[in-house]
Protein backbone atom coordinates (compact mmCIF):
# COMPACT_ATOMS: atom_id res chain seq x y z
CA MET A 1 8.80 -18.96 1.00
CA THR A 2 9.02 -15.17 0.83
CA THR A 3 6.05 -13.14 -0.42
CA ARG A 4 6.91 -9.70 -1.74
CA VAL A 5 4.09 -7.12 -1.61
CA LEU A 6 4.19 -3.60 -3.06
CA PHE A 7 1.59 -0.95 -2.21
CA VAL A 8 1.15 1.85 -4.76
CA CYS A 9 -0.65 5.20 -4.76
CA LEU A 10 -0.10 8.46 -6.65
CA GLY A 11 2.61 10.26 -4.66
CA ASN A 12 3.71 7.66 -2.10
CA ILE A 13 3.26 10.10 0.79
CA CYS A 14 -0.15 9.13 2.25
CA ARG A 15 -1.98 5.96 1.25
CA SER A 16 0.74 3.56 0.14
CA PRO A 17 3.23 4.33 2.94
CA SER A 18 0.35 3.97 5.39
CA ALA A 19 -0.49 0.61 3.84
CA GLU A 20 3.17 -0.41 4.07
CA GLY A 21 3.46 0.59 7.73
CA VAL A 22 0.09 -0.75 8.85
CA PHE A 23 0.40 -4.04 6.97
CA ARG A 24 3.94 -4.56 8.27
CA SER A 25 2.74 -4.01 11.85
CA ILE A 26 -0.38 -6.18 11.57
CA ALA A 27 1.57 -8.99 9.88
CA ALA A 28 4.31 -8.89 12.53
CA GLN A 29 1.72 -9.16 15.29
CA SER A 30 -0.73 -11.60 13.71
CA ALA A 31 1.40 -13.77 11.43
CA PRO A 32 5.07 -13.50 12.41
CA GLU A 33 5.70 -16.84 10.72
CA LEU A 34 5.08 -15.30 7.28
CA ASP A 35 8.23 -14.29 5.42
CA LEU A 36 7.21 -10.96 3.88
CA VAL A 37 8.97 -8.19 2.01
CA ILE A 38 6.79 -5.08 2.09
CA ASP A 39 7.37 -1.83 0.22
CA SER A 40 5.47 1.11 -1.25
CA ALA A 41 5.79 3.39 -4.26
CA GLY A 42 3.99 6.12 -6.17
CA THR A 43 3.07 6.30 -9.83
CA SER A 44 4.31 9.91 -9.95
CA ASP A 45 7.78 11.24 -9.20
CA TRP A 46 6.53 14.32 -7.34
CA HIS A 47 7.78 13.35 -3.89
CA VAL A 48 10.72 10.99 -4.49
CA GLY A 49 12.88 10.90 -1.37
CA ALA A 50 10.31 12.69 0.81
CA PRO A 51 8.92 11.26 4.04
CA PRO A 52 5.20 10.55 4.35
CA TYR A 53 2.97 13.60 4.62
CA GLY A 54 3.08 15.08 8.14
CA PRO A 55 -0.63 14.87 8.96
CA MET A 56 -0.67 11.25 7.71
CA GLN A 57 2.28 10.41 9.95
CA GLN A 58 0.55 12.06 12.89
CA ALA A 59 -2.70 10.14 12.36
CA ALA A 60 -0.81 6.86 11.96
CA ARG A 61 1.31 7.53 15.04
CA GLY A 62 -1.92 8.07 16.98
CA ARG A 63 -2.75 4.43 16.21
CA GLY A 64 0.71 3.12 16.99
CA TYR A 65 2.17 3.04 13.46
CA GLU A 66 5.46 4.80 12.77
CA LEU A 67 5.85 6.01 9.17
CA ALA A 68 8.67 8.54 9.65
CA PRO A 69 11.51 6.27 8.39
CA LEU A 70 9.76 5.65 5.05
CA ARG A 71 10.75 7.59 1.92
CA ALA A 72 8.78 8.03 -1.29
CA ARG A 73 9.94 6.34 -4.44
CA GLN A 74 8.48 6.03 -7.91
CA PHE A 75 6.95 2.80 -9.21
CA LEU A 76 9.20 1.28 -11.87
CA ARG A 77 8.67 -1.28 -14.60
CA ASN A 78 11.07 -3.71 -12.89
CA ASP A 79 8.78 -3.76 -9.82
CA PHE A 80 6.78 -6.37 -11.74
CA ASP A 81 9.82 -8.64 -11.43
CA ARG A 82 10.69 -7.66 -7.87
CA PHE A 83 7.26 -8.25 -6.30
CA ASP A 84 4.76 -11.13 -6.15
CA LEU A 85 1.73 -8.88 -5.62
CA ILE A 86 1.20 -5.22 -6.46
CA ILE A 87 -1.67 -3.40 -4.77
CA GLY A 88 -3.03 -0.07 -5.98
CA MET A 89 -5.13 2.24 -3.86
CA ASP A 90 -7.56 3.17 -6.65
CA ARG A 91 -8.42 2.36 -10.26
CA GLU A 92 -6.31 5.21 -11.64
CA ASN A 93 -3.27 3.85 -9.78
CA VAL A 94 -3.96 0.39 -11.20
CA ALA A 95 -4.30 1.79 -14.74
CA ASN A 96 -0.99 3.66 -14.38
CA ILE A 97 0.70 0.52 -13.04
CA GLU A 98 -0.69 -1.60 -15.88
CA ARG A 99 0.66 0.84 -18.49
CA LEU A 100 4.15 -0.15 -17.35
CA ARG A 101 3.52 -3.91 -17.34
CA PRO A 102 6.26 -5.70 -19.28
CA THR A 103 5.18 -8.16 -21.94
CA GLY A 104 4.83 -11.60 -20.42
CA SER A 105 4.57 -10.43 -16.81
CA ASN A 106 1.96 -12.30 -14.75
CA THR A 107 2.39 -10.36 -11.51
CA PRO A 108 -1.09 -9.75 -10.10
CA VAL A 109 -2.22 -6.16 -9.60
CA LYS A 110 -5.16 -5.69 -7.22
CA ILE A 111 -7.07 -2.82 -5.63
CA PHE A 112 -6.49 -2.74 -1.88
CA THR A 113 -10.16 -2.48 -0.96
CA ASP A 114 -10.77 -5.85 -2.64
CA TYR A 115 -9.38 -7.22 0.63
CA ALA A 116 -11.97 -5.26 2.66
CA PRO A 117 -15.25 -6.14 0.92
CA ASP A 118 -17.33 -5.24 3.98
CA SER A 119 -16.09 -1.64 3.78
CA GLY A 120 -18.38 -0.89 0.84
CA MET A 121 -15.54 1.07 -0.77
CA ASP A 122 -14.03 0.41 -4.19
CA HIS A 123 -10.89 2.49 -3.50
CA VAL A 124 -8.94 4.14 -0.70
CA PRO A 125 -9.71 7.88 -0.92
CA ASP A 126 -6.64 10.11 -0.93
CA PRO A 127 -6.49 11.95 2.41
CA TYR A 128 -4.14 14.53 0.92
CA TYR A 129 -7.30 15.87 -0.76
CA THR A 130 -10.11 14.61 1.51
CA ARG A 131 -8.26 15.48 4.75
CA ASP A 132 -9.88 12.36 6.30
CA PHE A 133 -6.78 10.55 7.56
CA ASP A 134 -8.81 8.40 9.94
CA GLN A 135 -10.98 7.07 7.10
CA THR A 136 -7.82 6.14 5.22
CA LEU A 137 -6.40 4.33 8.24
CA ASP A 138 -9.71 2.54 8.89
CA LEU A 139 -9.72 1.21 5.32
CA VAL A 140 -6.02 0.37 5.35
CA GLU A 141 -6.37 -1.57 8.61
CA ALA A 142 -9.40 -3.52 7.33
CA ALA A 143 -7.76 -4.28 3.98
CA SER A 144 -4.49 -5.25 5.70
CA ARG A 145 -6.32 -7.82 7.81
CA GLY A 146 -8.05 -9.16 4.70
CA LEU A 147 -4.79 -9.34 2.77
CA LEU A 148 -3.12 -11.14 5.63
CA THR A 149 -5.96 -13.68 5.72
CA SER A 150 -5.58 -14.29 1.97
CA LEU A 151 -1.81 -14.78 2.29
CA ASN A 152 -2.27 -17.21 5.19
CA ARG A 153 -4.36 -19.61 3.08
């Protein structure tokens, strides 16, 4: 059975493409038997069609993750029908996602750090503003492992 996961942040150039790339890599290595469709999107349309932010790509590449082929897209109402699980990077992302929820949709929307409870964080800070790309990757890696564990149950 295929599980379709969508990661969402504000602009889809730092956090959510990193989550897409990291989770895809960790899942391929640790659980290749899982049939996954993985994507990312942003709640804004600011960067539609753009690649991930250069410094984010560089930090990810330093850990063996290639984000260059990814392109930003905007989160759409029909993503509730296209995905089994939608994961926001912070509470504002989740609120913006929920505003688009169609009546009757039961697609779960979670915060990514819920899958990394030992991190002590309740959101993934935006490195576009914090400039801490390594912190973002640390959290994304931890949450990716936690998400993978929850999907393997």
